[in-house]
Amino acid sequence: MLTDYKKIELLEIIDKGKKKQKECQLSDSSNASSSTTSQVNIPIKNVETEEIENIKKENKIN
C-alpha cells in the first residue's frame, strides 16, 4: 500500500501533468487557427487487418 505522503506526491505529479497538457492544447489550438493549410483525410486501407479477417473467414468455413 502507498503511504499518504506518496499518494500526495503522485497526485501533485498528475496535477502538474494535467496543467502542462492544458497549456499544450491551448498553444496547439492557437497555432492551428493561424495556419492556412487545410488537412485532407485520406483513408488508408489496413492490409494486415484485412488479411486477418480473411483468415478468420476461411477458418469458419473449414
C-alpha atoms as a PDB file:
ATOM      1  CA  MET A   1       0.000   0.000   0.000  1.00  0.00           C
ATOM      2  CA  LEU A   2       1.100   3.549  -0.661  1.00  0.00           C
ATOM      3  CA  THR A   3       1.729   5.847   2.248  1.00  0.00           C
ATOM      4  CA  ASP A   4      -0.282   9.070   2.440  1.00  0.00           C
ATOM      5  CA  TYR A   5       2.873  11.020   1.640  1.00  0.00           C
ATOM      6  CA  LYS A   6       3.452   9.004  -1.540  1.00  0.00           C
ATOM      7  CA  LYS A   7      -0.193   9.420  -2.587  1.00  0.00           C
ATOM      8  CA  ILE A   8       0.063  13.206  -2.200  1.00  0.00           C
ATOM      9  CA  GLU A   9       3.319  13.198  -4.145  1.00  0.00           C
ATOM     10  CA  LEU A  10       1.715  11.223  -7.001  1.00  0.00           C
ATOM     11  CA  LEU A  11      -1.362  13.474  -7.064  1.00  0.00           C
ATOM     12  CA  GLU A  12       0.887  16.528  -7.345  1.00  0.00           C
ATOM     13  CA  ILE A  13       2.751  14.959 -10.273  1.00  0.00           C
ATOM     14  CA  ILE A  14      -0.535  14.086 -12.014  1.00  0.00           C
ATOM     15  CA  ASP A  15      -1.845  17.613 -11.396  1.00  0.00           C
ATOM     16  CA  LYS A  16       1.311  19.139 -12.928  1.00  0.00           C
ATOM     17  CA  GLY A  17       0.908  16.841 -15.927  1.00  0.00           C
ATOM     18  CA  LYS A  18      -2.703  17.886 -16.448  1.00  0.00           C
ATOM     19  CA  LYS A  19      -1.789  21.580 -16.267  1.00  0.00           C
ATOM     20  CA  LYS A  20       1.031  21.065 -18.762  1.00  0.00           C
ATOM     21  CA  GLN A  21      -1.345  19.177 -21.089  1.00  0.00           C
ATOM     22  CA  LYS A  22      -3.851  22.075 -20.990  1.00  0.00           C
ATOM     23  CA  GLU A  23      -1.056  24.534 -21.815  1.00  0.00           C
ATOM     24  CA  CYS A  24      -0.039  22.416 -24.797  1.00  0.00           C
ATOM     25  CA  GLN A  25      -3.629  22.132 -26.039  1.00  0.00           C
ATOM     26  CA  LEU A  26      -4.051  25.900 -25.813  1.00  0.00           C
ATOM     27  CA  SER A  27      -0.854  26.564 -27.749  1.00  0.00           C
ATOM     28  CA  ASP A  28      -1.808  23.920 -30.334  1.00  0.00           C
ATOM     29  CA  SER A  29      -5.227  25.469 -30.932  1.00  0.00           C
ATOM     30  CA  SER A  30      -3.772  28.970 -31.333  1.00  0.00           C
ATOM     31  CA  ASN A  31      -1.224  27.640 -33.814  1.00  0.00           C
ATOM     32  CA  ALA A  32      -3.902  25.778 -35.740  1.00  0.00           C
ATOM     33  CA  SER A  33      -6.128  28.838 -36.140  1.00  0.00           C
ATOM     34  CA  SER A  34      -3.281  30.883 -37.632  1.00  0.00           C
ATOM     35  CA  SER A  35      -2.381  28.142 -40.072  1.00  0.00           C
ATOM     36  CA  THR A  36      -3.648  28.468 -43.629  1.00  0.00           C
ATOM     37  CA  THR A  37      -3.150  24.869 -44.691  1.00  0.00           C
ATOM     38  CA  SER A  38      -6.145  22.560 -44.829  1.00  0.00           C
ATOM     39  CA  GLN A  39      -5.951  18.996 -43.685  1.00  0.00           C
ATOM     40  CA  VAL A  40      -7.171  16.296 -46.035  1.00  0.00           C
ATOM     41  CA  ASN A  41      -8.025  12.926 -44.581  1.00  0.00           C
ATOM     42  CA  ILE A  42      -7.003  10.167 -46.924  1.00  0.00           C
ATOM     43  CA  PRO A  43      -8.338   6.740 -45.968  1.00  0.00           C
ATOM     44  CA  ILE A  44      -5.549   4.198 -45.778  1.00  0.00           C
ATOM     45  CA  LYS A  45      -6.501   0.566 -46.185  1.00  0.00           C
ATOM     46  CA  ASN A  46      -5.052  -1.575 -43.433  1.00  0.00           C
ATOM     47  CA  VAL A  47      -3.832  -4.647 -45.246  1.00  0.00           C
ATOM     48  CA  GLU A  48      -2.985  -6.580 -42.088  1.00  0.00           C
ATOM     49  CA  THR A  49      -6.491  -6.380 -40.618  1.00  0.00           C
ATOM     50  CA  GLU A  50      -7.994  -7.350 -43.957  1.00  0.00           C
ATOM     51  CA  GLU A  51      -5.753 -10.420 -44.128  1.00  0.00           C
ATOM     52  CA  ILE A  52      -6.660 -11.368 -40.561  1.00  0.00           C
ATOM     53  CA  GLU A  53     -10.371 -11.063 -41.383  1.00  0.00           C
ATOM     54  CA  ASN A  54      -9.931 -13.285 -44.447  1.00  0.00           C
ATOM     55  CA  ILE A  55      -8.116 -15.917 -42.388  1.00  0.00           C
ATOM     56  CA  LYS A  56     -10.917 -15.849 -39.808  1.00  0.00           C
ATOM     57  CA  LYS A  57     -13.490 -16.361 -42.546  1.00  0.00           C
ATOM     58  CA  GLU A  58     -11.527 -19.270 -44.031  1.00  0.00           C
ATOM     59  CA  ASN A  59     -11.247 -20.920 -40.628  1.00  0.00           C
ATOM     60  CA  LYS A  60     -15.009 -20.731 -40.124  1.00  0.00           C
ATOM     61  CA  ILE A  61     -15.631 -22.374 -43.490  1.00  0.00           C
ATOM     62  CA  ASN A  62     -13.181 -25.246 -42.941  1.00  0.00           C
END
